[in-house]
Amino acid sequence: MLYIMRHGTTDWNVKNKLQGRTDIPLNDDGRAMAIDAGKKYQNVNFDVCYCSPLCRAKETAELVLKGRNVPIITDRRLIEMSFGIYEGLENSFQRMDIPVHILFETPEKYEAVQGGESLEELFARTGDFLSEVIRPEIEKGKDILIVGHGAMNSSIVSQIKGLPLEKFWSEGIEQCKLMKL
């Protein structure tokens, strides 16, 4: 079985800043969320956890799986989508004057911003991860947890569920909530 989870809260989440690949740590609330998730999902079996190498995802995985004998393996293909020159911008989700806003409103029309990643690139790397790592593990009957990020997780969910780009955000990847795929 495959499960997916988004990292806990960071200070940048609170300020509605685009994090992307900027390596921002969990804040105290994010750590508490991950600890609570660990308790809530303690009876869900995981044979292995794959996670983004960014510290907010890695720490979430460590806190959720604390005290369990579950290996945590980082993979660069699970890093968050790059938002290029707009990473660190405050109130990014309310700003209509920036091109990256299109990603959140009409993802099918999004074109990568300067220094950023396109949805095609995101889908290619996460698709490679799914076919090279996840599918063989699932075929062996393994229970797998992926801990990642909003856009990266949405790309995995979209590919597994066969969602069109228009529905990219439709599954609502909540922080520290386990989604069974």
N, C-alpha and C. Protein backbone atom coordinates (compact mmCIF):
# COMPACT_ATOMS: atom_id res chain seq x y z
N MET A 1 0.84 -1.17 0.00
CA MET A 1 0.00 0.00 0.00
C MET A 1 0.90 1.25 0.00
N LEU A 2 0.45 2.26 -0.66
CA LEU A 2 1.20 3.52 -0.73
C LEU A 2 0.44 4.61 0.02
N TYR A 3 1.18 5.31 0.87
CA TYR A 3 0.66 6.44 1.63
C TYR A 3 1.53 7.66 1.35
N ILE A 4 0.92 8.84 1.47
CA ILE A 4 1.66 10.07 1.24
C ILE A 4 1.28 11.07 2.33
N MET A 5 2.25 11.91 2.72
CA MET A 5 2.02 12.91 3.75
C MET A 5 2.83 14.16 3.42
N ARG A 6 2.26 15.30 3.73
CA ARG A 6 2.97 16.58 3.57
C ARG A 6 3.60 16.95 4.91
N HIS A 7 4.73 17.61 4.84
CA HIS A 7 5.46 18.03 6.04
C HIS A 7 4.61 18.93 6.94
N GLY A 8 5.06 19.10 8.19
CA GLY A 8 4.40 19.99 9.15
C GLY A 8 4.66 21.46 8.84
N THR A 9 4.07 22.31 9.64
CA THR A 9 4.11 23.76 9.43
C THR A 9 5.51 24.35 9.68
N THR A 10 5.83 25.34 8.86
CA THR A 10 7.05 26.13 9.02
C THR A 10 6.66 27.59 9.23
N ASP A 11 7.62 28.40 9.61
CA ASP A 11 7.34 29.84 9.74
C ASP A 11 6.95 30.44 8.40
N TRP A 12 7.50 29.92 7.33
CA TRP A 12 7.15 30.44 6.00
C TRP A 12 5.73 30.05 5.62
N ASN A 13 5.25 28.88 6.05
CA ASN A 13 3.85 28.54 5.81
C ASN A 13 2.93 29.56 6.47
N VAL A 14 3.26 29.93 7.70
CA VAL A 14 2.46 30.88 8.46
C VAL A 14 2.39 32.24 7.75
N LYS A 15 3.49 32.63 7.12
CA LYS A 15 3.56 33.92 6.42
C LYS A 15 3.13 33.82 4.96
N ASN A 16 2.65 32.64 4.55
CA ASN A 16 2.26 32.41 3.15
C ASN A 16 3.39 32.73 2.18
N LYS A 17 4.61 32.33 2.56
CA LYS A 17 5.76 32.50 1.67
C LYS A 17 5.94 31.24 0.84
N LEU A 18 6.27 31.43 -0.42
CA LEU A 18 6.60 30.29 -1.27
C LEU A 18 7.93 29.70 -0.81
N GLN A 19 7.91 28.44 -0.42
CA GLN A 19 9.14 27.81 0.07
C GLN A 19 9.92 27.14 -1.06
N GLY A 20 9.23 26.34 -1.84
CA GLY A 20 9.92 25.64 -2.91
C GLY A 20 11.09 24.85 -2.39
N ARG A 21 12.25 25.07 -2.98
CA ARG A 21 13.45 24.32 -2.60
C ARG A 21 14.25 25.01 -1.51
N THR A 22 13.78 26.15 -1.03
CA THR A 22 14.45 26.80 0.09
C THR A 22 14.28 25.90 1.31
N ASP A 23 15.37 25.62 1.99
CA ASP A 23 15.36 24.60 3.06
C ASP A 23 14.97 25.23 4.40
N ILE A 24 13.67 25.35 4.63
CA ILE A 24 13.13 25.97 5.83
C ILE A 24 12.74 24.87 6.82
N PRO A 25 13.15 25.00 8.10
CA PRO A 25 12.83 23.97 9.09
C PRO A 25 11.39 24.07 9.59
N LEU A 26 10.94 23.00 10.21
CA LEU A 26 9.65 23.03 10.89
C LEU A 26 9.71 24.04 12.03
N ASN A 27 8.57 24.63 12.36
CA ASN A 27 8.50 25.44 13.58
C ASN A 27 7.93 24.55 14.68
N ASP A 28 7.73 25.12 15.88
CA ASP A 28 7.25 24.30 17.00
C ASP A 28 5.88 23.68 16.71
N ASP A 29 5.00 24.44 16.04
CA ASP A 29 3.69 23.89 15.68
C ASP A 29 3.84 22.72 14.71
N GLY A 30 4.75 22.86 13.76
CA GLY A 30 4.98 21.78 12.79
C GLY A 30 5.51 20.53 13.44
N ARG A 31 6.40 20.71 14.43
CA ARG A 31 6.91 19.55 15.16
C ARG A 31 5.79 18.87 15.95
N ALA A 32 4.94 19.68 16.60
CA ALA A 32 3.81 19.13 17.36
C ALA A 32 2.85 18.38 16.43
N MET A 33 2.62 18.93 15.24
CA MET A 33 1.76 18.26 14.25
C MET A 33 2.32 16.89 13.90
N ALA A 34 3.63 16.83 13.66
CA ALA A 34 4.27 15.57 13.27
C ALA A 34 4.23 14.55 14.41
N ILE A 35 4.46 15.01 15.63
CA ILE A 35 4.39 14.11 16.79
C ILE A 35 2.97 13.57 16.94
N ASP A 36 1.98 14.45 16.80
CA ASP A 36 0.58 14.02 16.88
C ASP A 36 0.24 13.02 15.78
N ALA A 37 0.74 13.27 14.58
CA ALA A 37 0.51 12.35 13.46
C ALA A 37 1.13 10.99 13.76
N GLY A 38 2.30 11.00 14.37
CA GLY A 38 2.94 9.74 14.73
C GLY A 38 2.07 8.92 15.67
N LYS A 39 1.43 9.59 16.62
CA LYS A 39 0.52 8.89 17.55
C LYS A 39 -0.74 8.43 16.82
N LYS A 40 -1.29 9.31 16.01
CA LYS A 40 -2.55 9.00 15.31
C LYS A 40 -2.39 7.81 14.36
N TYR A 41 -1.23 7.72 13.70
CA TYR A 41 -1.02 6.68 12.69
C TYR A 41 -0.09 5.57 13.17
N GLN A 42 0.05 5.42 14.49
CA GLN A 42 0.98 4.43 15.01
C GLN A 42 0.64 2.99 14.65
N ASN A 43 -0.62 2.74 14.35
CA ASN A 43 -1.03 1.38 14.00
C ASN A 43 -1.05 1.12 12.49
N VAL A 44 -0.64 2.12 11.71
CA VAL A 44 -0.54 1.93 10.26
C VAL A 44 0.85 1.38 9.98
N ASN A 45 0.90 0.26 9.27
CA ASN A 45 2.19 -0.35 8.97
C ASN A 45 2.90 0.37 7.84
N PHE A 46 4.18 0.64 8.04
CA PHE A 46 5.06 1.16 6.99
C PHE A 46 6.32 0.30 7.01
N ASP A 47 6.68 -0.23 5.85
CA ASP A 47 7.91 -1.00 5.75
C ASP A 47 9.10 -0.09 5.46
N VAL A 48 8.81 1.00 4.76
CA VAL A 48 9.87 1.94 4.39
C VAL A 48 9.25 3.32 4.18
N CYS A 49 10.05 4.35 4.43
CA CYS A 49 9.62 5.72 4.18
C CYS A 49 10.61 6.37 3.23
N TYR A 50 10.10 6.97 2.18
CA TYR A 50 10.91 7.77 1.28
C TYR A 50 10.51 9.22 1.50
N CYS A 51 11.51 10.09 1.55
CA CYS A 51 11.15 11.49 1.78
C CYS A 51 12.10 12.43 1.03
N SER A 52 11.63 13.64 0.93
CA SER A 52 12.41 14.73 0.37
C SER A 52 13.63 14.95 1.25
N PRO A 53 14.75 15.40 0.67
CA PRO A 53 15.92 15.70 1.48
C PRO A 53 15.81 17.04 2.22
N LEU A 54 14.79 17.84 1.95
CA LEU A 54 14.64 19.12 2.65
C LEU A 54 14.29 18.86 4.11
N CYS A 55 14.87 19.67 5.00
CA CYS A 55 14.78 19.39 6.44
C CYS A 55 13.35 19.36 6.96
N ARG A 56 12.44 20.14 6.41
CA ARG A 56 11.06 20.13 6.92
C ARG A 56 10.37 18.79 6.66
N ALA A 57 10.68 18.15 5.55
CA ALA A 57 10.11 16.84 5.25
C ALA A 57 10.83 15.75 6.04
N LYS A 58 12.13 15.84 6.08
CA LYS A 58 12.92 14.82 6.77
C LYS A 58 12.59 14.80 8.26
N GLU A 59 12.50 15.98 8.88
CA GLU A 59 12.17 16.02 10.31
C GLU A 59 10.75 15.51 10.56
N THR A 60 9.83 15.84 9.66
CA THR A 60 8.46 15.32 9.79
C THR A 60 8.49 13.79 9.78
N ALA A 61 9.19 13.21 8.83
CA ALA A 61 9.28 11.75 8.75
C ALA A 61 9.87 11.17 10.03
N GLU A 62 10.94 11.78 10.52
CA GLU A 62 11.59 11.29 11.73
C GLU A 62 10.66 11.35 12.94
N LEU A 63 9.91 12.42 13.07
CA LEU A 63 8.99 12.56 14.21
C LEU A 63 7.79 11.63 14.09
N VAL A 64 7.24 11.49 12.89
CA VAL A 64 6.10 10.60 12.68
C VAL A 64 6.49 9.15 12.96
N LEU A 65 7.70 8.78 12.60
CA LEU A 65 8.13 7.39 12.71
C LEU A 65 9.01 7.11 13.94
N LYS A 66 9.11 8.07 14.83
CA LYS A 66 9.96 7.92 16.02
C LYS A 66 9.57 6.68 16.81
N GLY A 67 10.59 5.89 17.17
CA GLY A 67 10.36 4.68 17.94
C GLY A 67 9.96 3.48 17.12
N ARG A 68 9.85 3.67 15.81
CA ARG A 68 9.50 2.56 14.93
C ARG A 68 10.72 2.17 14.11
N ASN A 69 10.81 0.93 13.78
CA ASN A 69 11.95 0.44 13.01
C ASN A 69 11.64 0.54 11.52
N VAL A 70 11.48 1.79 11.06
CA VAL A 70 11.15 2.03 9.66
C VAL A 70 12.28 2.86 9.05
N PRO A 71 12.97 2.32 8.05
CA PRO A 71 14.04 3.10 7.42
C PRO A 71 13.47 4.32 6.69
N ILE A 72 14.18 5.44 6.80
CA ILE A 72 13.82 6.68 6.10
C ILE A 72 14.90 6.93 5.06
N ILE A 73 14.48 6.94 3.81
CA ILE A 73 15.41 7.09 2.69
C ILE A 73 15.07 8.38 1.95
N THR A 74 16.06 9.27 1.86
CA THR A 74 15.81 10.51 1.11
C THR A 74 16.11 10.28 -0.37
N ASP A 75 15.37 11.02 -1.19
CA ASP A 75 15.56 10.93 -2.64
C ASP A 75 15.34 12.32 -3.22
N ARG A 76 16.28 12.82 -3.98
CA ARG A 76 16.20 14.17 -4.53
C ARG A 76 15.02 14.36 -5.47
N ARG A 77 14.51 13.29 -6.02
CA ARG A 77 13.34 13.42 -6.90
C ARG A 77 12.08 13.80 -6.13
N LEU A 78 12.15 13.75 -4.80
CA LEU A 78 11.02 14.11 -3.95
C LEU A 78 11.13 15.53 -3.38
N ILE A 79 12.12 16.27 -3.81
CA ILE A 79 12.27 17.66 -3.37
C ILE A 79 11.08 18.48 -3.90
N GLU A 80 10.77 19.57 -3.23
CA GLU A 80 9.64 20.39 -3.66
C GLU A 80 9.92 21.02 -5.01
N MET A 81 8.86 21.38 -5.69
CA MET A 81 8.94 22.09 -6.97
C MET A 81 9.68 23.41 -6.74
N SER A 82 10.51 23.78 -7.68
CA SER A 82 11.21 25.06 -7.59
C SER A 82 10.32 26.18 -8.11
N PHE A 83 10.21 27.24 -7.32
CA PHE A 83 9.43 28.42 -7.72
C PHE A 83 10.35 29.57 -8.13
N GLY A 84 11.61 29.23 -8.38
CA GLY A 84 12.56 30.19 -8.94
C GLY A 84 12.66 31.49 -8.17
N ILE A 85 12.61 32.59 -8.90
CA ILE A 85 12.82 33.92 -8.31
C ILE A 85 11.72 34.31 -7.32
N TYR A 86 10.64 33.54 -7.25
CA TYR A 86 9.54 33.89 -6.36
C TYR A 86 9.59 33.16 -5.01
N GLU A 87 10.60 32.32 -4.81
CA GLU A 87 10.73 31.68 -3.50
C GLU A 87 11.04 32.75 -2.46
N GLY A 88 10.34 32.67 -1.33
CA GLY A 88 10.53 33.64 -0.25
C GLY A 88 9.57 34.81 -0.31
N LEU A 89 8.78 34.90 -1.35
CA LEU A 89 7.83 36.01 -1.50
C LEU A 89 6.66 35.82 -0.53
N GLU A 90 6.37 36.85 0.28
CA GLU A 90 5.26 36.78 1.23
C GLU A 90 3.92 36.98 0.55
N ASN A 91 2.89 36.40 1.17
CA ASN A 91 1.51 36.49 0.67
C ASN A 91 1.39 36.09 -0.80
N SER A 92 2.17 35.12 -1.18
CA SER A 92 2.27 34.71 -2.58
C SER A 92 0.95 34.18 -3.13
N PHE A 93 0.11 33.61 -2.28
CA PHE A 93 -1.12 33.00 -2.77
C PHE A 93 -2.20 34.04 -3.05
N GLN A 94 -2.05 35.23 -2.49
CA GLN A 94 -3.02 36.30 -2.71
C GLN A 94 -2.58 37.28 -3.80
N ARG A 95 -1.36 37.18 -4.24
CA ARG A 95 -0.80 38.16 -5.18
C ARG A 95 -1.12 37.79 -6.61
N MET A 96 -1.96 38.59 -7.21
CA MET A 96 -2.36 38.34 -8.60
C MET A 96 -1.32 38.89 -9.60
N ASP A 97 -0.37 39.70 -9.11
CA ASP A 97 0.57 40.37 -10.00
C ASP A 97 1.81 39.53 -10.31
N ILE A 98 1.89 38.32 -9.82
CA ILE A 98 3.06 37.50 -10.09
C ILE A 98 2.66 36.29 -10.94
N PRO A 99 3.50 35.93 -11.91
CA PRO A 99 3.16 34.83 -12.81
C PRO A 99 2.98 33.48 -12.12
N VAL A 100 3.67 33.26 -11.00
CA VAL A 100 3.56 31.97 -10.33
C VAL A 100 2.15 31.77 -9.75
N HIS A 101 1.39 32.85 -9.61
CA HIS A 101 0.00 32.76 -9.12
C HIS A 101 -0.85 31.86 -10.03
N ILE A 102 -0.54 31.85 -11.31
CA ILE A 102 -1.27 31.02 -12.27
C ILE A 102 -1.22 29.55 -11.87
N LEU A 103 -0.08 29.12 -11.32
CA LEU A 103 0.08 27.73 -10.89
C LEU A 103 -1.02 27.33 -9.90
N PHE A 104 -1.41 28.25 -9.03
CA PHE A 104 -2.38 27.92 -7.99
C PHE A 104 -3.82 28.10 -8.44
N GLU A 105 -4.04 28.90 -9.47
CA GLU A 105 -5.39 29.16 -9.96
C GLU A 105 -5.76 28.31 -11.17
N THR A 106 -4.88 28.27 -12.15
CA THR A 106 -5.11 27.50 -13.38
C THR A 106 -3.82 26.77 -13.76
N PRO A 107 -3.51 25.69 -13.04
CA PRO A 107 -2.23 25.01 -13.25
C PRO A 107 -1.97 24.57 -14.68
N GLU A 108 -3.03 24.27 -15.41
CA GLU A 108 -2.85 23.82 -16.80
C GLU A 108 -2.28 24.92 -17.69
N LYS A 109 -2.32 26.18 -17.25
CA LYS A 109 -1.78 27.31 -18.02
C LYS A 109 -0.42 27.78 -17.50
N TYR A 110 0.09 27.12 -16.47
CA TYR A 110 1.33 27.58 -15.83
C TYR A 110 2.55 27.35 -16.73
N GLU A 111 3.38 28.37 -16.81
CA GLU A 111 4.69 28.28 -17.47
C GLU A 111 5.74 28.59 -16.42
N ALA A 112 6.79 27.81 -16.39
CA ALA A 112 7.83 27.98 -15.37
C ALA A 112 8.36 29.41 -15.36
N VAL A 113 8.53 29.94 -14.15
CA VAL A 113 9.08 31.27 -13.97
C VAL A 113 10.61 31.18 -13.99
N GLN A 114 11.25 32.33 -14.04
CA GLN A 114 12.72 32.37 -14.10
C GLN A 114 13.34 31.58 -12.94
N GLY A 115 14.16 30.61 -13.28
CA GLY A 115 14.82 29.79 -12.29
C GLY A 115 13.93 28.72 -11.70
N GLY A 116 12.70 28.63 -12.16
CA GLY A 116 11.74 27.68 -11.61
C GLY A 116 11.61 26.42 -12.44
N GLU A 117 10.74 25.57 -12.00
CA GLU A 117 10.52 24.27 -12.62
C GLU A 117 9.13 24.24 -13.24
N SER A 118 9.02 23.62 -14.37
CA SER A 118 7.70 23.46 -15.01
C SER A 118 7.00 22.25 -14.42
N LEU A 119 5.70 22.18 -14.62
CA LEU A 119 4.95 21.00 -14.18
C LEU A 119 5.41 19.76 -14.93
N GLU A 120 5.78 19.92 -16.19
CA GLU A 120 6.28 18.79 -16.97
C GLU A 120 7.55 18.22 -16.34
N GLU A 121 8.45 19.11 -15.91
CA GLU A 121 9.69 18.65 -15.25
C GLU A 121 9.38 17.98 -13.92
N LEU A 122 8.46 18.56 -13.16
CA LEU A 122 8.06 17.98 -11.88
C LEU A 122 7.47 16.58 -12.09
N PHE A 123 6.57 16.45 -13.06
CA PHE A 123 5.94 15.16 -13.33
C PHE A 123 6.97 14.15 -13.83
N ALA A 124 7.94 14.59 -14.60
CA ALA A 124 8.96 13.66 -15.12
C ALA A 124 9.79 13.06 -13.98
N ARG A 125 10.26 13.90 -13.07
CA ARG A 125 11.12 13.36 -12.01
C ARG A 125 10.34 12.53 -11.00
N THR A 126 9.13 12.96 -10.65
CA THR A 126 8.34 12.16 -9.71
C THR A 126 7.82 10.89 -10.39
N GLY A 127 7.55 10.98 -11.68
CA GLY A 127 7.14 9.79 -12.44
C GLY A 127 8.25 8.76 -12.49
N ASP A 128 9.49 9.23 -12.70
CA ASP A 128 10.65 8.32 -12.67
C ASP A 128 10.75 7.64 -11.31
N PHE A 129 10.57 8.41 -10.25
CA PHE A 129 10.64 7.85 -8.90
C PHE A 129 9.56 6.78 -8.70
N LEU A 130 8.35 7.08 -9.15
CA LEU A 130 7.27 6.11 -9.01
C LEU A 130 7.57 4.80 -9.75
N SER A 131 8.04 4.93 -10.98
CA SER A 131 8.28 3.71 -11.77
C SER A 131 9.54 2.96 -11.32
N GLU A 132 10.58 3.69 -10.94
CA GLU A 132 11.84 3.02 -10.57
C GLU A 132 11.88 2.51 -9.13
N VAL A 133 11.20 3.19 -8.22
CA VAL A 133 11.30 2.85 -6.80
C VAL A 133 9.98 2.29 -6.25
N ILE A 134 8.90 3.03 -6.42
CA ILE A 134 7.65 2.68 -5.76
C ILE A 134 6.99 1.44 -6.36
N ARG A 135 6.84 1.39 -7.66
CA ARG A 135 6.14 0.24 -8.26
C ARG A 135 6.79 -1.10 -7.90
N PRO A 136 8.13 -1.22 -7.99
CA PRO A 136 8.74 -2.50 -7.59
C PRO A 136 8.48 -2.84 -6.12
N GLU A 137 8.48 -1.83 -5.25
CA GLU A 137 8.22 -2.07 -3.82
C GLU A 137 6.77 -2.52 -3.60
N ILE A 138 5.84 -1.87 -4.29
CA ILE A 138 4.42 -2.23 -4.17
C ILE A 138 4.21 -3.66 -4.68
N GLU A 139 4.88 -4.01 -5.77
CA GLU A 139 4.76 -5.38 -6.32
C GLU A 139 5.27 -6.43 -5.34
N LYS A 140 6.18 -6.04 -4.45
CA LYS A 140 6.68 -6.95 -3.41
C LYS A 140 5.77 -6.97 -2.19
N GLY A 141 4.70 -6.17 -2.22
CA GLY A 141 3.75 -6.15 -1.11
C GLY A 141 4.14 -5.21 0.02
N LYS A 142 5.05 -4.30 -0.23
CA LYS A 142 5.51 -3.37 0.80
C LYS A 142 4.49 -2.26 1.06
N ASP A 143 4.47 -1.79 2.30
CA ASP A 143 3.69 -0.62 2.70
C ASP A 143 4.66 0.55 2.76
N ILE A 144 4.39 1.57 1.95
CA ILE A 144 5.34 2.66 1.75
C ILE A 144 4.72 3.99 2.14
N LEU A 145 5.51 4.80 2.83
CA LEU A 145 5.14 6.17 3.17
C LEU A 145 6.07 7.11 2.41
N ILE A 146 5.48 8.10 1.73
CA ILE A 146 6.25 9.18 1.12
C ILE A 146 5.94 10.45 1.90
N VAL A 147 6.97 11.14 2.38
CA VAL A 147 6.79 12.41 3.07
C VAL A 147 7.41 13.49 2.20
N GLY A 148 6.58 14.46 1.82
CA GLY A 148 7.06 15.48 0.91
C GLY A 148 6.39 16.82 1.10
N HIS A 149 6.01 17.41 -0.01
CA HIS A 149 5.59 18.80 -0.08
C HIS A 149 4.30 18.94 -0.89
N GLY A 150 3.70 20.10 -0.82
CA GLY A 150 2.42 20.35 -1.49
C GLY A 150 2.42 20.05 -2.98
N ALA A 151 3.26 20.74 -3.74
CA ALA A 151 3.26 20.55 -5.19
C ALA A 151 3.83 19.18 -5.58
N MET A 152 4.91 18.78 -4.93
CA MET A 152 5.52 17.49 -5.25
C MET A 152 4.53 16.36 -4.95
N ASN A 153 3.89 16.40 -3.78
CA ASN A 153 2.90 15.38 -3.45
C ASN A 153 1.74 15.40 -4.44
N SER A 154 1.29 16.59 -4.82
CA SER A 154 0.18 16.70 -5.77
C SER A 154 0.54 16.06 -7.11
N SER A 155 1.80 16.15 -7.51
CA SER A 155 2.20 15.52 -8.76
C SER A 155 2.11 14.01 -8.66
N ILE A 156 2.48 13.45 -7.52
CA ILE A 156 2.39 12.00 -7.33
C ILE A 156 0.93 11.56 -7.30
N VAL A 157 0.13 12.28 -6.52
CA VAL A 157 -1.29 11.95 -6.44
C VAL A 157 -1.95 12.04 -7.82
N SER A 158 -1.64 13.11 -8.55
CA SER A 158 -2.21 13.30 -9.89
C SER A 158 -1.85 12.15 -10.83
N GLN A 159 -0.60 11.70 -10.76
CA GLN A 159 -0.18 10.61 -11.64
C GLN A 159 -0.82 9.29 -11.26
N ILE A 160 -0.89 9.01 -9.99
CA ILE A 160 -1.47 7.74 -9.54
C ILE A 160 -2.97 7.69 -9.83
N LYS A 161 -3.64 8.83 -9.62
CA LYS A 161 -5.09 8.87 -9.82
C LYS A 161 -5.48 9.25 -11.25
N GLY A 162 -4.50 9.57 -12.09
CA GLY A 162 -4.78 9.93 -13.47
C GLY A 162 -5.56 11.23 -13.60
N LEU A 163 -5.25 12.20 -12.75
CA LEU A 163 -5.97 13.48 -12.77
C LEU A 163 -5.42 14.40 -13.85
N PRO A 164 -6.28 15.16 -14.51
CA PRO A 164 -5.80 16.16 -15.47
C PRO A 164 -5.17 17.34 -14.72
N LEU A 165 -4.36 18.13 -15.41
CA LEU A 165 -3.71 19.27 -14.77
C LEU A 165 -4.69 20.23 -14.11
N GLU A 166 -5.88 20.35 -14.67
CA GLU A 166 -6.89 21.24 -14.09
C GLU A 166 -7.23 20.84 -12.66
N LYS A 167 -7.04 19.58 -12.33
CA LYS A 167 -7.37 19.04 -11.00
C LYS A 167 -6.12 18.85 -10.13
N PHE A 168 -5.00 19.48 -10.52
CA PHE A 168 -3.73 19.29 -9.85
C PHE A 168 -3.82 19.46 -8.34
N TRP A 169 -4.54 20.47 -7.88
CA TRP A 169 -4.63 20.77 -6.44
C TRP A 169 -5.89 20.16 -5.80
N SER A 170 -6.68 19.43 -6.51
CA SER A 170 -8.01 19.02 -6.05
C SER A 170 -8.02 18.10 -4.83
N GLU A 171 -6.94 17.38 -4.60
CA GLU A 171 -6.93 16.43 -3.48
C GLU A 171 -6.61 17.08 -2.14
N GLY A 172 -6.17 18.34 -2.15
CA GLY A 172 -5.93 19.08 -0.91
C GLY A 172 -4.97 18.40 0.04
N ILE A 173 -3.71 18.44 -0.27
CA ILE A 173 -2.68 17.78 0.53
C ILE A 173 -2.47 18.56 1.84
N GLU A 174 -3.11 18.11 2.91
CA GLU A 174 -3.01 18.79 4.20
C GLU A 174 -1.72 18.39 4.91
N GLN A 175 -1.25 19.27 5.76
CA GLN A 175 0.00 19.00 6.47
C GLN A 175 -0.20 17.92 7.54
N CYS A 176 0.69 16.97 7.53
CA CYS A 176 0.74 15.86 8.50
C CYS A 176 -0.51 14.99 8.51
N LYS A 177 -1.24 14.99 7.43
CA LYS A 177 -2.40 14.11 7.30
C LYS A 177 -2.05 12.99 6.31
N LEU A 178 -2.28 11.78 6.73
CA LEU A 178 -1.95 10.63 5.90
C LEU A 178 -3.00 10.42 4.82
N MET A 179 -2.54 10.31 3.57
CA MET A 179 -3.43 10.03 2.46
C MET A 179 -3.07 8.65 1.92
N LYS A 180 -4.07 7.79 1.84
CA LYS A 180 -3.86 6.43 1.32
C LYS A 180 -4.11 6.46 -0.18
N LEU A 181 -3.12 5.99 -0.93
CA LEU A 181 -3.25 5.96 -2.38
C LEU A 181 -3.45 4.54 -2.87
